[in-house]
Amino acid sequence: MTTITLNENLNQQISVIAQQTLASVDEVVNNVLAKYLNDYFDEVLEDAELLAIVKARENEPTIKVLLDDLLDEVAEFDLKTQFEILTQRGASKVQRGLELLEKATFTQ
């Protein structure tokens, strides 16, 4: 009977130690997972926030686009101005131009 009692006590002690060890392992695993998942979710949230910022700014024109548009407008204005100046200078010379054109067609 003494042997059985010792074995039962030993089994109980082993069982208690095993449960404590499992609890410790579970705690360590849970802590590691919690840290990893928290870091992961923090990164995901940061990525989501950055993505939201990028999407919000996606439709905003960039400086390059604005400068290209501005240069197009300036070039168009310049061409119109040059054309108007040339037409004003040549308005009195229309008849002379027609005469030269007619003369050139007859000589060919």
Protein backbone atom coordinates (compact mmCIF):
# COMPACT_ATOMS: atom_id res chain seq x y z
CA MET A 1 0.00 0.00 0.00
CA THR A 2 2.81 2.36 0.69
CA THR A 3 4.04 1.93 -2.84
CA ILE A 4 0.64 2.84 -4.25
CA THR A 5 0.51 5.98 -2.11
CA LEU A 6 3.94 7.03 -3.28
CA ASN A 7 2.96 6.39 -6.86
CA GLU A 8 -0.27 8.34 -6.44
CA ASN A 9 1.57 11.25 -4.81
CA LEU A 10 4.17 11.12 -7.54
CA ASN A 11 1.49 11.04 -10.20
CA GLN A 12 -0.28 13.99 -8.58
CA GLN A 13 2.96 15.97 -8.37
CA ILE A 14 3.80 15.13 -11.98
CA SER A 15 0.28 16.13 -12.99
CA VAL A 16 0.56 19.46 -11.11
CA ILE A 17 3.99 20.16 -12.62
CA ALA A 18 2.70 19.28 -16.09
CA GLN A 19 -0.28 21.58 -15.67
CA GLN A 20 1.96 24.41 -14.43
CA THR A 21 4.34 23.83 -17.32
CA LEU A 22 1.48 23.83 -19.83
CA ALA A 23 0.10 26.98 -18.25
CA SER A 24 3.53 28.62 -18.51
CA VAL A 25 3.93 27.51 -22.11
CA ASP A 26 0.44 28.72 -22.93
CA GLU A 27 1.19 32.06 -21.28
CA VAL A 28 4.46 32.42 -23.21
CA VAL A 29 2.80 31.45 -26.49
CA ASN A 30 -0.10 33.80 -25.82
CA ASN A 31 2.28 36.65 -24.99
CA VAL A 32 4.33 36.06 -28.13
CA LEU A 33 1.22 35.80 -30.28
CA ALA A 34 -0.31 38.87 -28.69
CA LYS A 35 2.84 40.89 -29.33
CA TYR A 36 3.17 39.61 -32.89
CA LEU A 37 -0.50 40.16 -33.67
CA ASN A 38 -0.53 43.61 -32.06
CA ASP A 39 2.53 44.59 -34.10
CA TYR A 40 0.95 43.08 -37.19
CA PHE A 41 -2.36 44.87 -36.64
CA ASP A 42 -0.53 48.12 -35.93
CA GLU A 43 1.29 47.74 -39.26
CA VAL A 44 -1.96 46.85 -41.02
CA LEU A 45 -3.66 49.91 -39.53
CA GLU A 46 -0.73 52.12 -40.52
CA ASP A 47 -0.83 50.65 -44.03
CA ALA A 48 -4.59 51.19 -44.19
CA GLU A 49 -4.19 54.80 -43.05
CA LEU A 50 -1.46 55.39 -45.64
CA LEU A 51 -3.57 53.74 -48.30
CA ALA A 52 -6.51 55.98 -47.38
CA ILE A 53 -4.27 59.05 -47.66
CA VAL A 54 -2.94 57.89 -51.03
CA LYS A 55 -6.45 57.21 -52.32
CA ALA A 56 -7.63 60.60 -51.09
CA ARG A 57 -4.76 62.32 -52.89
CA GLU A 58 -5.05 60.12 -55.97
CA ASN A 59 -7.53 62.50 -57.62
CA GLU A 60 -5.64 65.63 -56.66
CA PRO A 61 -3.52 67.07 -59.46
CA THR A 62 0.21 66.97 -58.94
CA ILE A 63 2.55 69.93 -59.35
CA LYS A 64 3.77 68.48 -62.65
CA VAL A 65 0.24 68.27 -64.04
CA LEU A 66 -0.53 71.80 -62.87
CA LEU A 67 2.67 73.13 -64.47
CA ASP A 68 1.94 71.30 -67.72
CA ASP A 69 -1.55 72.82 -67.81
CA LEU A 70 -0.16 76.28 -67.04
CA LEU A 71 2.46 76.00 -69.77
CA ASP A 72 -0.20 74.88 -72.25
CA GLU A 73 -2.31 77.92 -71.38
CA VAL A 74 0.68 80.26 -71.71
CA ALA A 75 1.68 78.74 -75.06
CA GLU A 76 -1.88 79.06 -76.38
CA PHE A 77 -2.09 82.68 -75.22
CA ASP A 78 1.28 83.42 -76.84
CA LEU A 79 0.18 81.93 -80.18
CA LYS A 80 -3.08 83.86 -80.14
CA THR A 81 -1.24 87.08 -79.33
CA GLN A 82 1.31 86.52 -82.10
CA PHE A 83 -1.46 85.75 -84.59
CA GLU A 84 -3.39 88.89 -83.62
CA ILE A 85 -0.24 91.02 -83.94
CA LEU A 86 0.56 89.55 -87.37
CA THR A 87 -3.00 90.09 -88.60
CA GLN A 88 -2.91 93.71 -87.42
CA ARG A 89 0.41 94.32 -89.17
CA GLY A 90 -0.73 92.69 -92.38
CA ALA A 91 -4.25 94.11 -92.53
CA SER A 92 -3.11 96.98 -94.73
CA LYS A 93 -1.01 94.65 -96.86
CA VAL A 94 -3.74 92.25 -97.88
CA GLN A 95 -4.14 93.77 -101.33
CA ARG A 96 -0.39 93.74 -101.93
CA GLY A 97 -0.24 90.06 -100.84
CA LEU A 98 -3.03 89.13 -103.24
CA GLU A 99 -1.23 90.94 -106.06
CA LEU A 100 2.00 89.06 -105.33
CA LEU A 101 0.10 85.78 -105.19
CA GLU A 102 -1.56 86.46 -108.51
CA LYS A 103 1.72 87.48 -110.06
CA ALA A 104 3.36 84.28 -108.78
CA THR A 105 0.62 82.10 -110.30
CA PHE A 106 0.96 83.77 -113.68
CA THR A 107 4.73 83.35 -113.82
CA GLN A 108 4.59 79.62 -113.24
